[in-house]
Amino acid sequence: MSARGLALGDSTTTERLDVLISTNNETPVLLRNNAGSQNHWLGIKLVGKKANIDAVGARLTYQAGDLKRSRMKVGGGSYLSSHDPRLVLGIGKRAKIDWLEIVLAPAQRPNPALRRSSH
């Protein structure tokens, strides 16, 4: 198979990420994730107000129990492809995220204040 593009997303609304591969001169290939849903995750879609409406450059840091992770929102995807706009924050067997911190890219910050959300 000769392929040029790849996109990740929940194509079947099963809350599991699937893979779509764009092949050269052939029908695209959809690899459905049938692994089950024994782990938990949170999908977050960031939306900017003016320029940079996809919030590219934002950094998300979160903690769920003993797990602490950080992700950065990147733009684009693969050749002529685009991924699901949500950031998927995996937490494994943990039932909830204890806190989530979102730091916008410098050009999007209304002020230097940092907000942390907990519940």
Protein backbone atom coordinates (compact mmCIF):
# COMPACT_ATOMS: atom_id res chain seq x y z
CA MET A 1 0.00 0.00 0.00
CA SER A 2 1.28 3.43 -0.94
CA ALA A 3 -0.18 6.14 1.29
CA ARG A 4 0.18 9.90 1.74
CA GLY A 5 -2.07 11.01 4.59
CA LEU A 6 -3.21 9.87 8.01
CA ALA A 7 -5.90 11.25 10.30
CA LEU A 8 -6.82 10.31 13.89
CA GLY A 9 -10.30 10.71 15.31
CA ASP A 10 -13.43 9.04 16.64
CA SER A 11 -15.06 8.26 13.29
CA THR A 12 -17.74 5.98 14.77
CA THR A 13 -18.66 8.01 17.91
CA THR A 14 -17.66 5.08 20.12
CA GLU A 15 -15.27 7.23 22.21
CA ARG A 16 -12.29 5.36 20.76
CA LEU A 17 -9.74 6.88 18.38
CA ASP A 18 -9.71 5.38 14.87
CA VAL A 19 -7.12 5.81 12.09
CA LEU A 20 -7.95 6.84 8.50
CA ILE A 21 -5.21 6.36 5.91
CA SER A 22 -5.40 8.12 2.54
CA THR A 23 -3.91 5.81 -0.08
CA ASN A 24 -2.62 6.74 -3.53
CA ASN A 25 -5.19 6.05 -6.28
CA GLU A 26 -7.18 3.72 -4.00
CA THR A 27 -10.03 3.82 -1.51
CA PRO A 28 -9.00 5.20 1.91
CA VAL A 29 -8.41 2.63 4.65
CA LEU A 30 -10.24 2.99 7.99
CA LEU A 31 -8.67 1.15 10.92
CA ARG A 32 -11.40 0.96 13.56
CA ASN A 33 -10.39 0.74 17.18
CA ASN A 34 -12.22 -2.30 18.54
CA ALA A 35 -9.96 -2.72 21.57
CA GLY A 36 -12.71 -1.93 24.05
CA SER A 37 -13.23 0.96 26.37
CA GLN A 38 -11.66 -0.21 29.61
CA ASN A 39 -9.64 3.01 29.98
CA HIS A 40 -10.88 6.55 30.54
CA TRP A 41 -10.09 9.76 28.68
CA LEU A 42 -11.31 13.32 28.27
CA GLY A 43 -11.61 15.05 24.89
CA ILE A 44 -11.13 18.82 24.96
CA LYS A 45 -11.74 21.15 22.04
CA LEU A 46 -10.04 24.51 22.48
CA VAL A 47 -11.52 27.48 20.62
CA GLY A 48 -9.83 30.85 20.21
CA LYS A 49 -11.81 34.08 19.82
CA LYS A 50 -9.94 36.06 17.15
CA ALA A 51 -6.83 34.89 15.34
CA ASN A 52 -5.70 31.31 15.98
CA ILE A 53 -9.22 29.97 16.44
CA ASP A 54 -7.85 26.43 16.90
CA ALA A 55 -5.75 27.58 19.91
CA VAL A 56 -2.54 26.20 18.37
CA GLY A 57 0.32 26.49 20.86
CA ALA A 58 -1.84 26.13 23.98
CA ARG A 59 -0.38 23.84 26.64
CA LEU A 60 -2.61 21.60 28.76
CA THR A 61 -1.27 20.07 31.96
CA TYR A 62 -3.40 17.72 34.02
CA GLN A 63 -3.29 15.28 36.89
CA ALA A 64 -5.39 12.22 37.64
CA GLY A 65 -4.31 10.51 40.84
CA ASP A 66 -0.62 9.60 40.47
CA LEU A 67 -0.59 10.39 36.72
CA LYS A 68 0.60 13.86 35.62
CA ARG A 69 0.82 14.72 31.91
CA SER A 70 1.25 17.73 29.64
CA ARG A 71 0.10 18.15 26.02
CA MET A 72 0.52 20.95 23.49
CA LYS A 73 -2.09 21.74 20.83
CA VAL A 74 -0.43 21.50 17.43
CA GLY A 75 -1.78 22.60 14.08
CA GLY A 76 -2.14 20.63 10.90
CA GLY A 77 -1.75 16.92 10.60
CA SER A 78 -0.51 14.66 7.86
CA TYR A 79 -0.37 15.44 4.12
CA LEU A 80 -3.82 16.67 2.98
CA SER A 81 -5.28 15.36 6.25
CA SER A 82 -6.58 16.79 9.48
CA HIS A 83 -6.98 15.15 12.87
CA ASP A 84 -9.93 15.37 15.25
CA PRO A 85 -9.68 18.92 16.68
CA ARG A 86 -10.03 17.65 20.25
CA LEU A 87 -7.04 16.92 22.45
CA VAL A 88 -7.48 13.48 23.99
CA LEU A 89 -6.23 13.30 27.57
CA GLY A 90 -5.82 9.67 28.58
CA ILE A 91 -6.10 8.75 32.27
CA GLY A 92 -6.11 4.94 32.09
CA LYS A 93 -8.09 3.21 34.84
CA ARG A 94 -8.44 6.40 36.88
CA ALA A 95 -12.04 7.64 37.11
CA LYS A 96 -11.47 11.40 37.01
CA ILE A 97 -9.05 14.22 36.32
CA ASP A 98 -8.15 16.01 39.56
CA TRP A 99 -7.06 19.26 37.90
CA LEU A 100 -6.53 20.73 34.46
CA GLU A 101 -4.42 23.78 33.61
CA ILE A 102 -4.64 25.49 30.20
CA VAL A 103 -2.02 28.05 29.19
CA LEU A 104 -2.79 29.79 25.91
CA ALA A 105 -0.12 30.66 23.36
CA PRO A 106 1.41 34.08 24.15
CA ALA A 107 -0.49 35.88 21.36
CA GLN A 108 -3.83 34.64 22.77
CA ARG A 109 -3.33 35.53 26.42
CA PRO A 110 -5.58 38.37 27.54
CA ASN A 111 -3.27 38.89 30.52
CA PRO A 112 -0.49 36.93 32.19
CA ALA A 113 -2.92 35.41 34.72
CA LEU A 114 -3.00 31.63 34.82
CA ARG A 115 -6.21 29.72 35.54
CA ARG A 116 -6.38 26.26 37.03
CA SER A 117 -9.66 24.35 37.10
CA SER A 118 -10.32 21.69 39.73
CA HIS A 119 -13.37 19.82 40.94
